[in-house]
Structure formats: structure tokens, C-alpha cells
C-alpha atoms as a PDB file:
ATOM      1  CA  ARG A   1      45.385   0.672  14.104  1.00  0.00           C
ATOM      2  CA  SER A   2      41.862   0.895  12.655  1.00  0.00           C
ATOM      3  CA  PRO A   3      39.625   3.889  13.363  1.00  0.00           C
ATOM      4  CA  PRO A   4      36.768   3.339  15.817  1.00  0.00           C
ATOM      5  CA  GLU A   5      33.429   2.476  14.258  1.00  0.00           C
ATOM      6  CA  TYR A   6      30.620   4.900  14.857  1.00  0.00           C
ATOM      7  CA  SER A   7      27.215   3.441  14.361  1.00  0.00           C
ATOM      8  CA  LEU A   8      23.907   4.519  15.756  1.00  0.00           C
ATOM      9  CA  ASN A   9      22.003   1.452  16.711  1.00  0.00           C
ATOM     10  CA  PHE A  10      18.694   1.737  18.526  1.00  0.00           C
ATOM     11  CA  ASN A  11      19.697  -1.009  20.985  1.00  0.00           C
ATOM     12  CA  THR A  12      23.055   0.668  21.674  1.00  0.00           C
ATOM     13  CA  ILE A  13      21.317   3.941  22.417  1.00  0.00           C
ATOM     14  CA  LEU A  14      18.879   2.176  24.763  1.00  0.00           C
ATOM     15  CA  GLN A  15      21.684   0.366  26.606  1.00  0.00           C
ATOM     16  CA  ARG A  16      23.223   3.708  27.554  1.00  0.00           C
ATOM     17  CA  GLN A  17      19.986   5.107  28.990  1.00  0.00           C
ATOM     18  CA  SER A  18      18.275   4.651  32.342  1.00  0.00           C
ATOM     19  CA  SER A  19      15.120   2.535  32.424  1.00  0.00           C
ATOM     20  CA  ALA A  20      12.873   5.617  32.660  1.00  0.00           C
ATOM     21  CA  ASN A  21      14.534   7.139  29.625  1.00  0.00           C
ATOM     22  CA  LYS A  22      14.253   3.826  27.776  1.00  0.00           C
ATOM     23  CA  GLN A  23      10.490   3.856  28.256  1.00  0.00           C
ATOM     24  CA  LYS A  24      10.277   7.456  27.007  1.00  0.00           C
ATOM     25  CA  ILE A  25      12.368   6.645  23.942  1.00  0.00           C
ATOM     26  CA  ARG A  26      10.313   3.548  23.148  1.00  0.00           C
ATOM     27  CA  GLY A  27       7.104   5.553  23.566  1.00  0.00           C
ATOM     28  CA  ARG A  28       8.327   8.278  21.223  1.00  0.00           C
ATOM     29  CA  VAL A  29       9.445   5.763  18.617  1.00  0.00           C
ATOM     30  CA  ARG A  30       6.082   3.973  18.876  1.00  0.00           C
ATOM     31  CA  LYS A  31       4.198   7.258  18.407  1.00  0.00           C
ATOM     32  CA  MET A  32       6.332   8.176  15.404  1.00  0.00           C
ATOM     33  CA  LEU A  33       5.663   4.781  13.814  1.00  0.00           C
ATOM     34  CA  GLN A  34       1.935   5.051  14.496  1.00  0.00           C
ATOM     35  CA  GLY A  35       1.874   8.524  12.964  1.00  0.00           C
ATOM     36  CA  GLY A  36       3.750   7.304   9.912  1.00  0.00           C
ATOM     37  CA  ILE A  37       1.390   4.379   9.468  1.00  0.00           C
ATOM     38  CA  GLN A  38      -1.666   6.632   9.840  1.00  0.00           C
ATOM     39  CA  LEU A  39      -0.234   9.060   7.297  1.00  0.00           C
ATOM     40  CA  THR A  40       0.393   6.188   4.887  1.00  0.00           C
ATOM     41  CA  VAL A  41      -3.148   4.856   5.356  1.00  0.00           C
ATOM     42  CA  THR A  42      -4.443   8.297   4.361  1.00  0.00           C
ATOM     43  CA  ILE A  43      -2.036   9.154   1.536  1.00  0.00           C
ATOM     44  CA  VAL A  44      -2.173   5.842  -0.351  1.00  0.00           C
ATOM     45  CA  PRO A  45      -5.962   5.992  -1.025  1.00  0.00           C
ATOM     46  CA  ALA A  46      -5.654   9.681  -1.974  1.00  0.00           C
ATOM     47  CA  VAL A  47      -2.923   8.918  -4.515  1.00  0.00           C
ATOM     48  CA  ALA A  48      -4.889   5.932  -5.833  1.00  0.00           C
ATOM     49  CA  TYR A  49      -7.985   8.126  -6.203  1.00  0.00           C
ATOM     50  CA  ALA A  50      -5.949  10.785  -8.035  1.00  0.00           C
ATOM     51  CA  LEU A  51      -4.671   8.139 -10.455  1.00  0.00           C
ATOM     52  CA  VAL A  52      -8.210   6.865 -11.089  1.00  0.00           C
ATOM     53  CA  VAL A  53      -9.484  10.424 -11.598  1.00  0.00           C
ATOM     54  CA  SER A  54      -6.753  11.051 -14.167  1.00  0.00           C
ATOM     55  CA  ARG A  55      -8.150   8.125 -16.194  1.00  0.00           C
ATOM     56  CA  VAL A  56     -11.868   8.705 -15.454  1.00  0.00           C
ATOM     57  CA  PRO A  57     -12.421  12.498 -15.615  1.00  0.00           C
ATOM     58  CA  ALA A  58     -16.150  12.152 -14.822  1.00  0.00           C
ATOM     59  CA  LEU A  59     -15.246  11.391 -11.198  1.00  0.00           C
ATOM     60  CA  ASN A  60     -13.415  14.688 -11.026  1.00  0.00           C
ATOM     61  CA  ARG A  61     -16.357  16.636 -12.436  1.00  0.00           C
ATOM     62  CA  TRP A  62     -18.686  15.155  -9.796  1.00  0.00           C
ATOM     63  CA  PRO A  63     -16.743  14.607  -6.555  1.00  0.00           C
ATOM     64  CA  TRP A  64     -20.024  13.885  -4.773  1.00  0.00           C
ATOM     65  CA  VAL A  65     -20.134  10.656  -6.812  1.00  0.00           C
ATOM     66  CA  GLY A  66     -16.450   9.806  -6.445  1.00  0.00           C
ATOM     67  CA  ASP A  67     -16.160  10.419  -2.730  1.00  0.00           C
ATOM     68  CA  PRO A  68     -18.732   7.879  -1.536  1.00  0.00           C
ATOM     69  CA  LEU A  69     -17.176   5.316  -3.850  1.00  0.00           C
ATOM     70  CA  LEU A  70     -13.700   6.000  -2.415  1.00  0.00           C
ATOM     71  CA  GLY A  71     -15.041   5.894   1.147  1.00  0.00           C
ATOM     72  CA  ILE A  72     -16.824   2.583   0.575  1.00  0.00           C
ATOM     73  CA  ILE A  73     -13.741   1.013  -1.032  1.00  0.00           C
ATOM     74  CA  VAL A  74     -11.486   2.175   1.829  1.00  0.00           C
ATOM     75  CA  PHE A  75     -14.024   1.020   4.441  1.00  0.00           C
ATOM     76  CA  PHE A  76     -14.220  -2.502   3.078  1.00  0.00           C
ATOM     77  CA  PHE A  77     -10.481  -2.703   2.317  1.00  0.00           C
ATOM     78  CA  MET A  78      -9.648  -1.720   5.894  1.00  0.00           C
ATOM     79  CA  GLY A  79     -12.363  -3.902   7.412  1.00  0.00           C
ATOM     80  CA  PHE A  80     -11.743  -7.085   5.465  1.00  0.00           C
ATOM     81  CA  ILE A  81      -8.059  -6.954   4.520  1.00  0.00           C
ATOM     82  CA  VAL A  82      -6.019  -4.637   6.766  1.00  0.00           C
ATOM     83  CA  LEU A  83      -7.599  -5.088  10.210  1.00  0.00           C
ATOM     84  CA  PRO A  84      -7.908  -8.896  10.125  1.00  0.00           C
ATOM     85  CA  HIS A  85      -4.199  -9.162   9.281  1.00  0.00           C
ATOM     86  CA  SER A  86      -3.087  -6.687  11.955  1.00  0.00           C
ATOM     87  CA  ALA A  87      -2.613  -6.986  15.700  1.00  0.00           C
ATOM     88  CA  PHE A  88      -5.553  -4.612  16.250  1.00  0.00           C
ATOM     89  CA  THR A  89      -7.941  -5.606  19.004  1.00  0.00           C
ATOM     90  CA  THR A  90     -10.934  -3.716  20.305  1.00  0.00           C
ATOM     91  CA  PRO A  91     -10.703  -3.117  24.060  1.00  0.00           C
ATOM     92  CA  VAL A  92     -13.511  -4.701  26.069  1.00  0.00           C
ATOM     93  CA  SER A  93     -14.635  -1.299  27.330  1.00  0.00           C
ATOM     94  CA  VAL A  94     -15.156  -0.007  23.758  1.00  0.00           C
ATOM     95  CA  THR A  95     -18.338  -0.791  21.860  1.00  0.00           C
ATOM     96  CA  PRO A  96     -17.726  -1.167  18.113  1.00  0.00           C
ATOM     97  CA  MET A  97     -19.320   1.515  15.968  1.00  0.00           C
ATOM     98  CA  PRO A  98     -22.502   0.472  14.152  1.00  0.00           C
ATOM     99  CA  PHE A  99     -22.153  -0.206  10.427  1.00  0.00           C
ATOM    100  CA  ALA A 100     -24.159   2.754   9.058  1.00  0.00           C
ATOM    101  CA  PRO A 101     -22.329   5.558  10.924  1.00  0.00           C
ATOM    102  CA  ALA A 102     -18.959   3.918  10.216  1.00  0.00           C
ATOM    103  CA  ILE A 103     -19.520   3.748   6.473  1.00  0.00           C
ATOM    104  CA  LEU A 104     -20.995   7.278   6.372  1.00  0.00           C
ATOM    105  CA  ILE A 105     -17.917   8.627   8.145  1.00  0.00           C
ATOM    106  CA  HIS A 106     -15.685   6.930   5.578  1.00  0.00           C
ATOM    107  CA  MET A 107     -17.812   8.235   2.711  1.00  0.00           C
ATOM    108  CA  PHE A 108     -18.140  11.859   3.772  1.00  0.00           C
ATOM    109  CA  GLY A 109     -15.399  12.380   6.367  1.00  0.00           C
ATOM    110  CA  PHE A 110     -12.654  10.611   4.462  1.00  0.00           C
ATOM    111  CA  GLY A 111     -13.684  10.334   0.809  1.00  0.00           C
ATOM    112  CA  LEU A 112     -15.265  13.761   0.312  1.00  0.00           C
ATOM    113  CA  PRO A 113     -12.290  15.854   1.508  1.00  0.00           C
ATOM    114  CA  ILE A 114      -9.931  13.803  -0.666  1.00  0.00           C
ATOM    115  CA  ALA A 115     -12.230  14.127  -3.697  1.00  0.00           C
ATOM    116  CA  LEU A 116     -12.599  17.899  -3.227  1.00  0.00           C
ATOM    117  CA  VAL A 117      -8.840  18.417  -2.779  1.00  0.00           C
ATOM    118  CA  ILE A 118      -8.115  16.351  -5.893  1.00  0.00           C
ATOM    119  CA  GLN A 119     -10.752  18.289  -7.855  1.00  0.00           C
ATOM    120  CA  ARG A 120      -9.257  21.614  -6.778  1.00  0.00           C
ATOM    121  CA  GLY A 121      -5.732  20.429  -7.583  1.00  0.00           C
ATOM    122  CA  TRP A 122      -6.723  19.292 -11.063  1.00  0.00           C
ATOM    123  CA  ALA A 123      -8.552  22.587 -11.674  1.00  0.00           C
ATOM    124  CA  ARG A 124      -5.484  24.599 -10.637  1.00  0.00           C
ATOM    125  CA  SER A 125      -3.145  22.523 -12.803  1.00  0.00           C
ATOM    126  CA  ARG A 126      -5.509  22.880 -15.776  1.00  0.00           C
ATOM    127  CA  ASN A 127      -5.741  26.662 -15.267  1.00  0.00           C
ATOM    128  CA  ALA A 128      -1.967  26.922 -14.991  1.00  0.00           C
ATOM    129  CA  GLY A 129      -1.584  25.042 -18.266  1.00  0.00           C
ATOM    130  CA  LEU A 130       0.203  22.039 -16.771  1.00  0.00           C
END
């Protein structure tokens, strides 16, 4: 006699739940995936910027130069590569953001914090002798 197999399969779990619970589980899983994707979209450019800064120290000395560059690169990468290949659609009730505010937000709301955090991290590692 073989021992029973214990496997956790998402479909098996859903089959054992009521329809209301199934919707809650699917919603939670969807939110977790969206959060993971958003985190990845933020961490990957930060790591890439840190790698570039390790090779081009001038960007680290002047984060006000590096951050707009990072923001512009991320803006165009997202706008021309990621979004066209995704299932993203703008709802009819939402007006797309004008170009200038969108790029400024990417430059100073996304790029600047990353550049300043990287600069501080490099300064701490240099002071610690790493």
C-alpha cells in the first residue's frame, strides 16, 4: 500500500472552497502578484543604476545628474517596451497624463530617491572600509 500523496495545488485548494471564498483567494493572489511585479519594476532599475554607478563614479558624486538620466531611461523603457507588450489598458474614464509631468515624475520622484539612496549606500560602504 502506497502512502497518500500530499500536494498543495492552487486548483485543488479552490475546489474545496465556496464560490465567495474562491473570489477572495483569487483577489488575494492577484494582489500579491501585482505587488511582486511592482516591486520588481522598482528594484531592477535601482540595481541596474547601482551597477552603472560602480563603473561610472561621477554619477555617484552628482546624483542630480544621474537621477534625471535614470528617470528618463525608465520612462521610455516602460512606455515603449513594457506597456505595449502588456495587457495594460487605460480606462475610458481616465485621461492619460501629459508628457511633461509624467517624465518629471519619473526623473525626480523615481530617479532621484534611487540615486540618493545609492549615493548614501556607497558612502557608508566606503566609510566602513568595504
